[in-house]
Amino acid sequence: MGRLREQMVEEMESRNFSPKTIKAYLGHMVAFTRLLGRSPAGMGEHEIRRYLQYLRKEKQVSWSNINIAYCALKFFYVETLHREFPVKKIPRPKGEKKLPVVLSHSEVKAIFDVIANQKHRVILMTTYSGGLRVSEVANLRVCDIDSKRMQIRVNQGKGKKDRYTLLSSVLVEHLRTYWRTYHPTTWLFPGSHNDKPINITAIQKVFKLAKKKPI
């Protein structure tokens, strides 16, 4: 996409889009361009319909991902090219409505028990005990654990607001044991490089693998 990519990034950054959204939008634009083998500036309704159908029928991605693709394409044509979006008649896909899967206490304990890696086990314990999102636990710093007040400080959580959550007596003991083993300095759960936090995808992978292991 070259210059068009730069223009799209500039438009998204000027609107304070999150890095995650920018990455997702660009990912769809790259995939759209590669699938059709042409510059997106020279494509229109037919090609956009084809890409959305490709995602739905061939890639079988979720409706939420298709919705992101639709938004990315619309943003590109309207905000980057300053053109009218040519596919107004295609309804934006409705999000799937699923009830959240709530694990019982015994199921959660069983997942913890099958994780041999101490760091991974404590990460999931912190997530569950503190009621944290994956992104929040990944970005915890050592200084965010306040064992005197028995609180966990969550920086820039949902809504870009700082908040506090309870630190249980059981979790604080596991964290102390973890600290004596790994000696984290800045990030509570550093990634492969100590100067960066663990990747969100890595935490999600740990949880998925733990659920698949026989109890």
N, C-alpha and C. Protein backbone atom coordinates (compact mmCIF):
# COMPACT_ATOMS: atom_id res chain seq x y z
N MET A 1 0.81 -1.21 0.00
CA MET A 1 0.00 0.00 0.00
C MET A 1 0.85 1.26 0.00
N GLY A 2 2.07 1.17 0.52
CA GLY A 2 2.98 2.30 0.45
C GLY A 2 2.46 3.57 1.11
N ARG A 3 2.36 4.62 0.31
CA ARG A 3 1.92 5.93 0.81
C ARG A 3 0.50 5.88 1.35
N LEU A 4 -0.35 5.06 0.75
CA LEU A 4 -1.73 4.94 1.24
C LEU A 4 -1.75 4.38 2.66
N ARG A 5 -0.84 3.46 2.95
CA ARG A 5 -0.75 2.90 4.30
C ARG A 5 -0.36 3.99 5.29
N GLU A 6 0.61 4.80 4.92
CA GLU A 6 1.05 5.90 5.79
C GLU A 6 -0.09 6.88 6.04
N GLN A 7 -0.84 7.19 5.00
CA GLN A 7 -1.96 8.12 5.14
C GLN A 7 -3.04 7.54 6.07
N MET A 8 -3.29 6.24 5.92
CA MET A 8 -4.30 5.60 6.76
C MET A 8 -3.87 5.61 8.22
N VAL A 9 -2.59 5.31 8.46
CA VAL A 9 -2.06 5.32 9.83
C VAL A 9 -2.17 6.72 10.43
N GLU A 10 -1.82 7.73 9.65
CA GLU A 10 -1.91 9.12 10.12
C GLU A 10 -3.34 9.48 10.50
N GLU A 11 -4.30 9.05 9.69
CA GLU A 11 -5.70 9.34 9.97
C GLU A 11 -6.15 8.64 11.26
N MET A 12 -5.73 7.40 11.45
CA MET A 12 -6.12 6.66 12.65
C MET A 12 -5.48 7.23 13.90
N GLU A 13 -4.21 7.59 13.79
CA GLU A 13 -3.51 8.15 14.94
C GLU A 13 -4.09 9.51 15.32
N SER A 14 -4.50 10.29 14.32
CA SER A 14 -5.09 11.60 14.61
C SER A 14 -6.41 11.47 15.36
N ARG A 15 -7.03 10.31 15.23
CA ARG A 15 -8.29 10.05 15.93
C ARG A 15 -8.07 9.25 17.21
N ASN A 16 -6.79 9.09 17.58
CA ASN A 16 -6.42 8.42 18.82
C ASN A 16 -6.88 6.96 18.87
N PHE A 17 -6.78 6.28 17.72
CA PHE A 17 -7.09 4.85 17.70
C PHE A 17 -6.05 4.11 18.52
N SER A 18 -6.45 3.04 19.16
CA SER A 18 -5.51 2.23 19.95
C SER A 18 -4.57 1.48 19.01
N PRO A 19 -3.36 1.14 19.47
CA PRO A 19 -2.42 0.37 18.64
C PRO A 19 -3.04 -0.95 18.16
N LYS A 20 -3.87 -1.56 19.00
CA LYS A 20 -4.51 -2.83 18.64
C LYS A 20 -5.46 -2.64 17.46
N THR A 21 -6.23 -1.55 17.48
CA THR A 21 -7.17 -1.28 16.39
C THR A 21 -6.43 -0.95 15.10
N ILE A 22 -5.37 -0.15 15.22
CA ILE A 22 -4.58 0.20 14.04
C ILE A 22 -4.00 -1.06 13.40
N LYS A 23 -3.47 -1.95 14.22
CA LYS A 23 -2.89 -3.20 13.71
C LYS A 23 -3.95 -4.05 13.02
N ALA A 24 -5.14 -4.12 13.61
CA ALA A 24 -6.22 -4.93 13.04
C ALA A 24 -6.69 -4.36 11.70
N TYR A 25 -6.86 -3.04 11.64
CA TYR A 25 -7.30 -2.40 10.40
C TYR A 25 -6.27 -2.60 9.28
N LEU A 26 -5.00 -2.39 9.61
CA LEU A 26 -3.95 -2.56 8.60
C LEU A 26 -3.85 -4.01 8.15
N GLY A 27 -4.05 -4.93 9.08
CA GLY A 27 -4.00 -6.35 8.74
C GLY A 27 -5.04 -6.71 7.69
N HIS A 28 -6.25 -6.17 7.85
CA HIS A 28 -7.31 -6.44 6.87
C HIS A 28 -7.01 -5.76 5.54
N MET A 29 -6.45 -4.58 5.57
CA MET A 29 -6.15 -3.89 4.32
C MET A 29 -5.06 -4.64 3.54
N VAL A 30 -4.08 -5.16 4.24
CA VAL A 30 -3.02 -5.94 3.58
C VAL A 30 -3.61 -7.22 2.99
N ALA A 31 -4.47 -7.90 3.78
CA ALA A 31 -5.08 -9.14 3.30
C ALA A 31 -5.99 -8.87 2.10
N PHE A 32 -6.73 -7.78 2.15
CA PHE A 32 -7.62 -7.37 1.05
C PHE A 32 -6.81 -7.14 -0.23
N THR A 33 -5.69 -6.44 -0.10
CA THR A 33 -4.85 -6.14 -1.26
C THR A 33 -4.21 -7.40 -1.84
N ARG A 34 -3.74 -8.28 -0.95
CA ARG A 34 -3.08 -9.51 -1.42
C ARG A 34 -4.07 -10.45 -2.09
N LEU A 35 -5.26 -10.53 -1.55
CA LEU A 35 -6.27 -11.44 -2.13
C LEU A 35 -6.62 -11.04 -3.55
N LEU A 36 -6.81 -9.74 -3.78
CA LEU A 36 -7.22 -9.26 -5.10
C LEU A 36 -6.05 -8.89 -6.00
N GLY A 37 -4.87 -8.72 -5.42
CA GLY A 37 -3.68 -8.44 -6.21
C GLY A 37 -3.67 -7.08 -6.86
N ARG A 38 -4.36 -6.12 -6.27
CA ARG A 38 -4.41 -4.77 -6.82
C ARG A 38 -4.37 -3.74 -5.70
N SER A 39 -4.09 -2.50 -6.05
CA SER A 39 -4.13 -1.43 -5.06
C SER A 39 -5.58 -1.22 -4.63
N PRO A 40 -5.82 -1.07 -3.33
CA PRO A 40 -7.20 -0.87 -2.87
C PRO A 40 -7.83 0.40 -3.42
N ALA A 41 -7.00 1.36 -3.82
CA ALA A 41 -7.53 2.61 -4.37
C ALA A 41 -8.23 2.38 -5.70
N GLY A 42 -7.86 1.30 -6.39
CA GLY A 42 -8.46 1.01 -7.67
C GLY A 42 -9.57 -0.02 -7.61
N MET A 43 -9.97 -0.40 -6.40
CA MET A 43 -11.02 -1.41 -6.24
C MET A 43 -12.29 -0.78 -5.68
N GLY A 44 -13.39 -1.49 -5.84
CA GLY A 44 -14.67 -0.94 -5.41
C GLY A 44 -15.60 -1.98 -4.82
N GLU A 45 -16.88 -1.83 -5.10
CA GLU A 45 -17.91 -2.65 -4.48
C GLU A 45 -17.71 -4.14 -4.72
N HIS A 46 -17.42 -4.54 -5.94
CA HIS A 46 -17.28 -5.96 -6.26
C HIS A 46 -16.17 -6.60 -5.44
N GLU A 47 -15.03 -5.94 -5.37
CA GLU A 47 -13.88 -6.48 -4.65
C GLU A 47 -14.13 -6.52 -3.14
N ILE A 48 -14.79 -5.50 -2.62
CA ILE A 48 -15.07 -5.47 -1.18
C ILE A 48 -16.02 -6.60 -0.81
N ARG A 49 -17.06 -6.79 -1.63
CA ARG A 49 -18.00 -7.90 -1.40
C ARG A 49 -17.26 -9.24 -1.43
N ARG A 50 -16.37 -9.37 -2.38
CA ARG A 50 -15.64 -10.62 -2.51
C ARG A 50 -14.78 -10.89 -1.28
N TYR A 51 -14.13 -9.84 -0.77
CA TYR A 51 -13.27 -10.02 0.41
C TYR A 51 -14.09 -10.41 1.64
N LEU A 52 -15.21 -9.77 1.85
CA LEU A 52 -16.06 -10.09 3.00
C LEU A 52 -16.61 -11.51 2.89
N GLN A 53 -16.98 -11.92 1.67
CA GLN A 53 -17.45 -13.28 1.47
C GLN A 53 -16.33 -14.29 1.69
N TYR A 54 -15.13 -13.90 1.28
CA TYR A 54 -13.95 -14.75 1.48
C TYR A 54 -13.72 -14.99 2.98
N LEU A 55 -13.82 -13.93 3.76
CA LEU A 55 -13.63 -14.08 5.21
C LEU A 55 -14.70 -14.98 5.81
N ARG A 56 -15.93 -14.83 5.34
CA ARG A 56 -17.03 -15.57 5.93
C ARG A 56 -17.05 -17.04 5.50
N LYS A 57 -16.91 -17.30 4.19
CA LYS A 57 -17.09 -18.65 3.68
C LYS A 57 -15.80 -19.48 3.64
N GLU A 58 -14.70 -18.84 3.25
CA GLU A 58 -13.45 -19.59 3.13
C GLU A 58 -12.63 -19.59 4.41
N LYS A 59 -12.45 -18.43 4.99
CA LYS A 59 -11.68 -18.34 6.23
C LYS A 59 -12.51 -18.70 7.45
N GLN A 60 -13.84 -18.54 7.32
CA GLN A 60 -14.79 -18.85 8.41
C GLN A 60 -14.40 -18.15 9.71
N VAL A 61 -14.10 -16.86 9.58
CA VAL A 61 -13.75 -16.08 10.77
C VAL A 61 -15.03 -15.69 11.52
N SER A 62 -14.87 -15.21 12.72
CA SER A 62 -16.02 -14.81 13.53
C SER A 62 -16.69 -13.57 12.96
N TRP A 63 -17.96 -13.38 13.35
CA TRP A 63 -18.68 -12.19 12.89
C TRP A 63 -18.00 -10.92 13.38
N SER A 64 -17.43 -10.98 14.56
CA SER A 64 -16.77 -9.78 15.08
C SER A 64 -15.57 -9.40 14.22
N ASN A 65 -14.87 -10.40 13.70
CA ASN A 65 -13.72 -10.13 12.84
C ASN A 65 -14.18 -9.58 11.49
N ILE A 66 -15.29 -10.09 10.98
CA ILE A 66 -15.84 -9.57 9.74
C ILE A 66 -16.26 -8.11 9.94
N ASN A 67 -16.81 -7.83 11.09
CA ASN A 67 -17.22 -6.47 11.40
C ASN A 67 -16.01 -5.52 11.42
N ILE A 68 -14.89 -6.01 11.96
CA ILE A 68 -13.67 -5.21 11.98
C ILE A 68 -13.18 -4.96 10.56
N ALA A 69 -13.28 -6.00 9.72
CA ALA A 69 -12.88 -5.86 8.31
C ALA A 69 -13.73 -4.81 7.62
N TYR A 70 -15.03 -4.85 7.86
CA TYR A 70 -15.96 -3.88 7.26
C TYR A 70 -15.58 -2.45 7.69
N CYS A 71 -15.32 -2.29 8.98
CA CYS A 71 -14.96 -0.97 9.51
C CYS A 71 -13.64 -0.49 8.94
N ALA A 72 -12.68 -1.42 8.80
CA ALA A 72 -11.37 -1.06 8.25
C ALA A 72 -11.50 -0.56 6.81
N LEU A 73 -12.27 -1.30 6.01
CA LEU A 73 -12.46 -0.93 4.61
C LEU A 73 -13.19 0.41 4.49
N LYS A 74 -14.22 0.57 5.30
CA LYS A 74 -14.99 1.82 5.27
C LYS A 74 -14.11 3.00 5.67
N PHE A 75 -13.30 2.80 6.71
CA PHE A 75 -12.42 3.88 7.16
C PHE A 75 -11.45 4.26 6.05
N PHE A 76 -10.90 3.25 5.38
CA PHE A 76 -9.93 3.51 4.32
C PHE A 76 -10.54 4.35 3.20
N TYR A 77 -11.72 3.94 2.73
CA TYR A 77 -12.32 4.65 1.60
C TYR A 77 -12.83 6.04 1.99
N VAL A 78 -13.44 6.14 3.18
CA VAL A 78 -14.05 7.40 3.57
C VAL A 78 -13.03 8.39 4.11
N GLU A 79 -12.16 7.93 5.01
CA GLU A 79 -11.26 8.85 5.71
C GLU A 79 -9.90 9.01 5.04
N THR A 80 -9.42 7.95 4.35
CA THR A 80 -8.11 8.04 3.71
C THR A 80 -8.21 8.53 2.27
N LEU A 81 -9.15 7.92 1.52
CA LEU A 81 -9.32 8.31 0.12
C LEU A 81 -10.33 9.44 -0.06
N HIS A 82 -11.10 9.72 1.02
CA HIS A 82 -12.13 10.76 0.97
C HIS A 82 -13.15 10.49 -0.15
N ARG A 83 -13.53 9.21 -0.22
CA ARG A 83 -14.52 8.79 -1.19
C ARG A 83 -15.72 8.19 -0.48
N GLU A 84 -16.81 8.11 -1.19
CA GLU A 84 -18.01 7.51 -0.62
C GLU A 84 -17.81 6.00 -0.57
N PHE A 85 -18.18 5.40 0.56
CA PHE A 85 -18.01 3.95 0.68
C PHE A 85 -18.99 3.26 -0.26
N PRO A 86 -18.49 2.40 -1.15
CA PRO A 86 -19.34 1.86 -2.22
C PRO A 86 -20.23 0.68 -1.84
N VAL A 87 -20.22 0.25 -0.59
CA VAL A 87 -20.99 -0.94 -0.24
C VAL A 87 -22.00 -0.68 0.86
N LYS A 88 -22.75 0.37 0.74
CA LYS A 88 -23.72 0.73 1.78
C LYS A 88 -24.82 -0.31 1.95
N LYS A 89 -25.10 -1.07 0.90
CA LYS A 89 -26.21 -2.02 0.96
C LYS A 89 -25.86 -3.30 1.71
N ILE A 90 -24.57 -3.50 2.00
CA ILE A 90 -24.18 -4.68 2.76
C ILE A 90 -24.33 -4.35 4.24
N PRO A 91 -25.22 -5.03 4.96
CA PRO A 91 -25.40 -4.73 6.39
C PRO A 91 -24.18 -5.14 7.18
N ARG A 92 -23.84 -4.33 8.15
CA ARG A 92 -22.74 -4.70 9.02
C ARG A 92 -23.16 -5.92 9.82
N PRO A 93 -22.31 -6.94 9.89
CA PRO A 93 -22.69 -8.18 10.58
C PRO A 93 -22.97 -7.94 12.05
N LYS A 94 -24.02 -8.55 12.53
CA LYS A 94 -24.39 -8.43 13.93
C LYS A 94 -23.50 -9.33 14.78
N GLY A 95 -23.13 -8.83 15.93
CA GLY A 95 -22.27 -9.62 16.81
C GLY A 95 -23.00 -10.83 17.34
N GLU A 96 -22.25 -11.91 17.48
CA GLU A 96 -22.83 -13.12 18.03
C GLU A 96 -23.10 -12.92 19.51
N LYS A 97 -24.24 -13.35 19.97
CA LYS A 97 -24.59 -13.20 21.37
C LYS A 97 -24.41 -14.55 22.06
N LYS A 98 -23.36 -14.64 22.83
CA LYS A 98 -23.07 -15.87 23.55
C LYS A 98 -22.99 -15.57 25.04
N LEU A 99 -23.49 -16.50 25.82
CA LEU A 99 -23.36 -16.35 27.26
C LEU A 99 -21.91 -16.62 27.65
N PRO A 100 -21.37 -15.83 28.56
CA PRO A 100 -19.99 -16.07 28.97
C PRO A 100 -19.85 -17.40 29.69
N VAL A 101 -18.72 -18.07 29.47
CA VAL A 101 -18.47 -19.34 30.14
C VAL A 101 -17.92 -19.05 31.53
N VAL A 102 -18.67 -19.40 32.54
CA VAL A 102 -18.25 -19.17 33.92
C VAL A 102 -17.79 -20.49 34.51
N LEU A 103 -16.52 -20.56 34.89
CA LEU A 103 -15.97 -21.78 35.45
C LEU A 103 -16.27 -21.86 36.94
N SER A 104 -16.52 -23.07 37.40
CA SER A 104 -16.75 -23.28 38.83
C SER A 104 -15.41 -23.22 39.56
N HIS A 105 -15.47 -23.13 40.89
CA HIS A 105 -14.25 -23.07 41.69
C HIS A 105 -13.40 -24.31 41.47
N SER A 106 -14.03 -25.48 41.41
CA SER A 106 -13.29 -26.73 41.22
C SER A 106 -12.64 -26.79 39.84
N GLU A 107 -13.33 -26.24 38.83
CA GLU A 107 -12.78 -26.23 37.47
C GLU A 107 -11.57 -25.30 37.39
N VAL A 108 -11.66 -24.17 38.06
CA VAL A 108 -10.53 -23.23 38.07
C VAL A 108 -9.33 -23.87 38.77
N LYS A 109 -9.58 -24.51 39.91
CA LYS A 109 -8.50 -25.16 40.66
C LYS A 109 -7.86 -26.27 39.83
N ALA A 110 -8.69 -26.99 39.08
CA ALA A 110 -8.17 -28.07 38.25
C ALA A 110 -7.23 -27.53 37.17
N ILE A 111 -7.57 -26.37 36.63
CA ILE A 111 -6.72 -25.76 35.61
C ILE A 111 -5.38 -25.34 36.22
N PHE A 112 -5.42 -24.76 37.42
CA PHE A 112 -4.18 -24.37 38.09
C PHE A 112 -3.30 -25.60 38.35
N ASP A 113 -3.93 -26.69 38.75
CA ASP A 113 -3.19 -27.89 39.15
C ASP A 113 -2.42 -28.54 38.00
N VAL A 114 -2.90 -28.38 36.77
CA VAL A 114 -2.24 -29.04 35.64
C VAL A 114 -1.11 -28.20 35.04
N ILE A 115 -0.96 -26.97 35.51
CA ILE A 115 0.10 -26.10 34.99
C ILE A 115 1.37 -26.30 35.80
N ALA A 116 2.38 -26.87 35.17
CA ALA A 116 3.63 -27.16 35.88
C ALA A 116 4.51 -25.92 36.03
N ASN A 117 4.46 -25.04 35.05
CA ASN A 117 5.28 -23.84 35.09
C ASN A 117 4.77 -22.87 36.15
N GLN A 118 5.62 -22.55 37.13
CA GLN A 118 5.20 -21.69 38.24
C GLN A 118 4.75 -20.32 37.78
N LYS A 119 5.50 -19.72 36.88
CA LYS A 119 5.18 -18.38 36.39
C LYS A 119 3.81 -18.38 35.71
N HIS A 120 3.57 -19.34 34.84
CA HIS A 120 2.29 -19.42 34.15
C HIS A 120 1.14 -19.64 35.11
N ARG A 121 1.37 -20.47 36.10
CA ARG A 121 0.31 -20.75 37.08
C ARG A 121 -0.04 -19.49 37.88
N VAL A 122 0.97 -18.74 38.28
CA VAL A 122 0.73 -17.52 39.08
C VAL A 122 0.06 -16.46 38.22
N ILE A 123 0.39 -16.40 36.94
CA ILE A 123 -0.25 -15.43 36.05
C ILE A 123 -1.76 -15.69 36.01
N LEU A 124 -2.14 -16.94 35.83
CA LEU A 124 -3.58 -17.26 35.77
C LEU A 124 -4.24 -17.07 37.13
N MET A 125 -3.53 -17.37 38.19
CA MET A 125 -4.07 -17.15 39.53
C MET A 125 -4.35 -15.66 39.76
N THR A 126 -3.42 -14.83 39.33
CA THR A 126 -3.57 -13.38 39.49
C THR A 126 -4.74 -12.86 38.66
N THR A 127 -4.87 -13.39 37.46
CA THR A 127 -5.96 -12.99 36.58
C THR A 127 -7.30 -13.34 37.20
N TYR A 128 -7.41 -14.56 37.68
CA TYR A 128 -8.67 -15.04 38.25
C TYR A 128 -8.98 -14.37 39.58
N SER A 129 -8.01 -14.34 40.47
CA SER A 129 -8.23 -13.79 41.82
C SER A 129 -8.52 -12.30 41.79
N GLY A 130 -7.82 -11.57 40.93
CA GLY A 130 -8.00 -10.13 40.87
C GLY A 130 -9.11 -9.67 39.95
N GLY A 131 -9.72 -10.63 39.22
CA GLY A 131 -10.76 -10.26 38.27
C GLY A 131 -10.22 -9.37 37.17
N LEU A 132 -9.02 -9.69 36.70
CA LEU A 132 -8.34 -8.85 35.71
C LEU A 132 -8.54 -9.35 34.28
N ARG A 133 -8.46 -8.43 33.35
CA ARG A 133 -8.43 -8.79 31.94
C ARG A 133 -7.01 -9.24 31.60
N VAL A 134 -6.88 -9.97 30.51
CA VAL A 134 -5.57 -10.49 30.13
C VAL A 134 -4.59 -9.34 29.91
N SER A 135 -5.04 -8.27 29.26
CA SER A 135 -4.16 -7.13 29.01
C SER A 135 -3.72 -6.46 30.31
N GLU A 136 -4.61 -6.49 31.30
CA GLU A 136 -4.29 -5.85 32.58
C GLU A 136 -3.25 -6.64 33.35
N VAL A 137 -3.39 -7.96 33.40
CA VAL A 137 -2.42 -8.77 34.14
C VAL A 137 -1.07 -8.77 33.43
N ALA A 138 -1.09 -8.70 32.10
CA ALA A 138 0.17 -8.68 31.34
C ALA A 138 0.97 -7.43 31.64
N ASN A 139 0.30 -6.33 31.92
CA ASN A 139 0.98 -5.04 32.12
C ASN A 139 1.16 -4.65 33.58
N LEU A 140 1.00 -5.61 34.47
CA LEU A 140 1.24 -5.33 35.89
C LEU A 140 2.73 -5.13 36.14
N ARG A 141 3.03 -4.17 37.00
CA ARG A 141 4.41 -3.95 37.42
C ARG A 141 4.57 -4.45 38.86
N VAL A 142 5.79 -4.70 39.25
CA VAL A 142 6.06 -5.17 40.60
C VAL A 142 5.50 -4.20 41.63
N CYS A 143 5.64 -2.90 41.36
CA CYS A 143 5.18 -1.87 42.30
C CYS A 143 3.64 -1.80 42.39
N ASP A 144 2.94 -2.48 41.50
CA ASP A 144 1.47 -2.46 41.54
C ASP A 144 0.91 -3.40 42.61
N ILE A 145 1.76 -4.27 43.16
CA ILE A 145 1.32 -5.19 44.20
C ILE A 145 1.56 -4.55 45.56
N ASP A 146 0.50 -4.22 46.25
CA ASP A 146 0.59 -3.55 47.55
C ASP A 146 0.14 -4.54 48.62
N SER A 147 1.11 -5.26 49.20
CA SER A 147 0.78 -6.28 50.19
C SER A 147 0.40 -5.69 51.55
N LYS A 148 0.74 -4.41 51.77
CA LYS A 148 0.36 -3.78 53.04
C LYS A 148 -1.13 -3.44 53.04
N ARG A 149 -1.59 -2.91 51.94
CA ARG A 149 -3.02 -2.58 51.83
C ARG A 149 -3.82 -3.70 51.20
N MET A 150 -3.13 -4.75 50.78
CA MET A 150 -3.74 -5.91 50.13
C MET A 150 -4.55 -5.47 48.91
N GLN A 151 -3.86 -4.74 48.03
CA GLN A 151 -4.49 -4.23 46.82
C GLN A 151 -3.58 -4.45 45.61
N ILE A 152 -4.20 -4.52 44.45
CA ILE A 152 -3.47 -4.55 43.19
C ILE A 152 -3.88 -3.32 42.41
N ARG A 153 -2.90 -2.53 42.02
CA ARG A 153 -3.19 -1.34 41.22
C ARG A 153 -3.23 -1.73 39.75
N VAL A 154 -4.32 -1.41 39.07
CA VAL A 154 -4.48 -1.70 37.64
C VAL A 154 -4.36 -0.38 36.90
N ASN A 155 -3.28 -0.24 36.14
CA ASN A 155 -3.03 1.01 35.43
C ASN A 155 -3.69 1.03 34.06
N GLN A 156 -4.44 2.10 33.81
CA GLN A 156 -5.07 2.30 32.50
C GLN A 156 -5.87 1.08 32.08
N GLY A 157 -6.78 0.66 32.94
CA GLY A 157 -7.65 -0.47 32.62
C GLY A 157 -8.74 -0.04 31.67
N LYS A 158 -9.90 -0.68 31.73
CA LYS A 158 -10.99 -0.36 30.83
C LYS A 158 -11.40 1.10 31.02
N GLY A 159 -11.58 1.80 29.92
CA GLY A 159 -11.94 3.20 29.98
C GLY A 159 -10.75 4.10 30.24
N LYS A 160 -9.52 3.54 30.13
CA LYS A 160 -8.29 4.30 30.34
C LYS A 160 -8.21 4.89 31.74
N LYS A 161 -8.77 4.19 32.71
CA LYS A 161 -8.77 4.69 34.09
C LYS A 161 -8.01 3.72 34.99
N ASP A 162 -7.27 4.29 35.95
CA ASP A 162 -6.59 3.47 36.93
C ASP A 162 -7.61 3.02 37.98
N ARG A 163 -7.40 1.83 38.52
CA ARG A 163 -8.30 1.33 39.56
C ARG A 163 -7.54 0.37 40.46
N TYR A 164 -8.19 -0.04 41.54
CA TYR A 164 -7.61 -0.99 42.46
C TYR A 164 -8.52 -2.20 42.59
N THR A 165 -7.92 -3.37 42.76
CA THR A 165 -8.68 -4.57 43.01
C THR A 165 -8.06 -5.27 44.22
N LEU A 166 -8.80 -6.15 44.84
CA LEU A 166 -8.34 -6.79 46.07
C LEU A 166 -7.24 -7.81 45.81
N LEU A 167 -6.31 -7.87 46.74
CA LEU A 167 -5.23 -8.85 46.71
C LEU A 167 -5.49 -9.85 47.83
N SER A 168 -5.81 -11.07 47.46
CA SER A 168 -6.16 -12.06 48.48
C SER A 168 -4.90 -12.55 49.21
N SER A 169 -5.10 -13.05 50.41
CA SER A 169 -3.97 -13.55 51.21
C SER A 169 -3.35 -14.78 50.57
N VAL A 170 -4.16 -15.58 49.88
CA VAL A 170 -3.64 -16.78 49.21
C VAL A 170 -2.76 -16.36 48.03
N LEU A 171 -3.25 -15.41 47.23
CA LEU A 171 -2.49 -14.96 46.07
C LEU A 171 -1.19 -14.30 46.47
N VAL A 172 -1.20 -13.50 47.53
CA VAL A 172 0.02 -12.78 47.92
C VAL A 172 1.13 -13.77 48.29
N GLU A 173 0.78 -14.92 48.86
CA GLU A 173 1.78 -15.92 49.20
C GLU A 173 2.36 -16.56 47.95
N HIS A 174 1.49 -16.81 46.97
CA HIS A 174 1.97 -17.37 45.70
C HIS A 174 2.87 -16.37 44.98
N LEU A 175 2.51 -15.09 45.05
CA LEU A 175 3.32 -14.06 44.41
C LEU A 175 4.69 -13.93 45.08
N ARG A 176 4.73 -14.08 46.39
CA ARG A 176 6.00 -14.00 47.11
C ARG A 176 6.92 -15.15 46.72
N THR A 177 6.34 -16.34 46.61
CA THR A 177 7.12 -17.51 46.21
C THR A 177 7.63 -17.33 44.77
N TYR A 178 6.75 -16.81 43.92
CA TYR A 178 7.11 -16.54 42.53
C TYR A 178 8.24 -15.52 42.46
N TRP A 179 8.17 -14.46 43.27
CA TRP A 179 9.19 -13.42 43.25
C TRP A 179 10.55 -13.97 43.69
N ARG A 180 10.55 -14.84 44.69
CA ARG A 180 11.81 -15.42 45.18
C ARG A 180 12.46 -16.30 44.10
N THR A 181 11.64 -16.84 43.21
CA THR A 181 12.17 -17.70 42.14
C THR A 181 12.65 -16.90 40.95
N TYR A 182 11.84 -15.94 40.51
CA TYR A 182 12.13 -15.22 39.27
C TYR A 182 12.76 -13.83 39.46
N HIS A 183 12.57 -13.23 40.62
CA HIS A 183 13.12 -11.90 40.92
C HIS A 183 12.79 -10.86 39.85
N PRO A 184 11.53 -10.67 39.51
CA PRO A 184 11.17 -9.63 38.53
C PRO A 184 11.51 -8.26 39.10
N THR A 185 11.92 -7.34 38.25
CA THR A 185 12.30 -6.00 38.72
C THR A 185 11.28 -4.93 38.35
N THR A 186 10.96 -4.82 37.09
CA THR A 186 10.00 -3.80 36.64
C THR A 186 8.64 -4.42 36.38
N TRP A 187 8.58 -5.26 35.35
CA TRP A 187 7.33 -5.94 35.02
C TRP A 187 7.15 -7.14 35.93
N LEU A 188 5.96 -7.30 36.46
CA LEU A 188 5.70 -8.44 37.35
C LEU A 188 5.85 -9.74 36.59
N PHE A 189 5.36 -9.75 35.35
CA PHE A 189 5.47 -10.94 34.51
C PHE A 189 6.16 -10.56 33.19
N PRO A 190 7.48 -10.47 33.21
CA PRO A 190 8.19 -10.07 31.99
C PRO A 190 8.11 -11.14 30.91
N GLY A 191 8.33 -10.69 29.66
CA GLY A 191 8.31 -11.63 28.55
C GLY A 191 9.68 -12.25 28.36
N SER A 192 10.02 -12.60 27.13
CA SER A 192 11.32 -13.20 26.85
C SER A 192 12.44 -12.22 27.14
N HIS A 193 12.12 -10.93 27.05
CA HIS A 193 13.08 -9.89 27.42
C HIS A 193 12.56 -9.20 28.68
N ASN A 194 13.42 -9.05 29.67
CA ASN A 194 12.98 -8.52 30.96
C ASN A 194 12.47 -7.08 30.90
N ASP A 195 12.83 -6.36 29.85
CA ASP A 195 12.41 -4.96 29.76
C ASP A 195 11.03 -4.80 29.12
N LYS A 196 10.39 -5.92 28.79
CA LYS A 196 9.06 -5.87 28.20
C LYS A 196 8.13 -6.85 28.90
N PRO A 197 6.83 -6.52 29.00
CA PRO A 197 5.89 -7.42 29.67
C PRO A 197 5.59 -8.63 28.80
N ILE A 198 5.06 -9.66 29.40
CA ILE A 198 4.69 -10.87 28.69
C ILE A 198 3.64 -10.55 27.63
N ASN A 199 3.68 -11.24 26.53
CA ASN A 199 2.73 -11.02 25.45
C ASN A 199 1.35 -11.56 25.83
N ILE A 200 0.32 -10.82 25.49
CA ILE A 200 -1.05 -11.22 25.80
C ILE A 200 -1.38 -12.58 25.18
N THR A 201 -0.92 -12.79 23.95
CA THR A 201 -1.18 -14.04 23.25
C THR A 201 -0.58 -15.22 24.00
N ALA A 202 0.56 -15.02 24.62
CA ALA A 202 1.21 -16.09 25.38
C ALA A 202 0.35 -16.53 26.56
N ILE A 203 -0.27 -15.55 27.24
CA ILE A 203 -1.13 -15.88 28.37
C ILE A 203 -2.36 -16.65 27.89
N GLN A 204 -2.94 -16.20 26.81
CA GLN A 204 -4.12 -16.88 26.25
C GLN A 204 -3.78 -18.31 25.85
N LYS A 205 -2.59 -18.51 25.32
CA LYS A 205 -2.16 -19.84 24.91
C LYS A 205 -2.00 -20.76 26.11
N VAL A 206 -1.44 -20.22 27.20
CA VAL A 206 -1.28 -21.00 28.43
C VAL A 206 -2.63 -21.49 28.93
N PHE A 207 -3.61 -20.60 28.93
CA PHE A 207 -4.95 -20.95 29.42
C PHE A 207 -5.60 -22.01 28.54
N LYS A 208 -5.49 -21.85 27.22
CA LYS A 208 -6.11 -22.80 26.29
C LYS A 208 -5.48 -24.19 26.44
N LEU A 209 -4.16 -24.23 26.56
CA LEU A 209 -3.47 -25.52 26.71
C LEU A 209 -3.82 -26.19 28.03
N ALA A 210 -3.97 -25.37 29.08
CA ALA A 210 -4.30 -25.92 30.39
C ALA A 210 -5.68 -26.55 30.39
N LYS A 211 -6.61 -25.95 29.66
CA LYS A 211 -7.98 -26.49 29.60
C LYS A 211 -8.01 -27.83 28.86
N LYS A 212 -7.06 -28.04 27.95
CA LYS A 212 -7.05 -29.26 27.15
C LYS A 212 -6.37 -30.43 27.87
N LYS A 213 -5.55 -30.12 28.88
CA LYS A 213 -4.82 -31.17 29.56
C LYS A 213 -5.75 -32.04 30.41
N PRO A 214 -5.50 -33.34 30.42
CA PRO A 214 -6.33 -34.23 31.25
C PRO A 214 -6.10 -33.97 32.72
N ILE A 215 -7.15 -34.01 33.49
CA ILE A 215 -7.05 -33.74 34.93
C ILE A 215 -6.83 -35.04 35.71
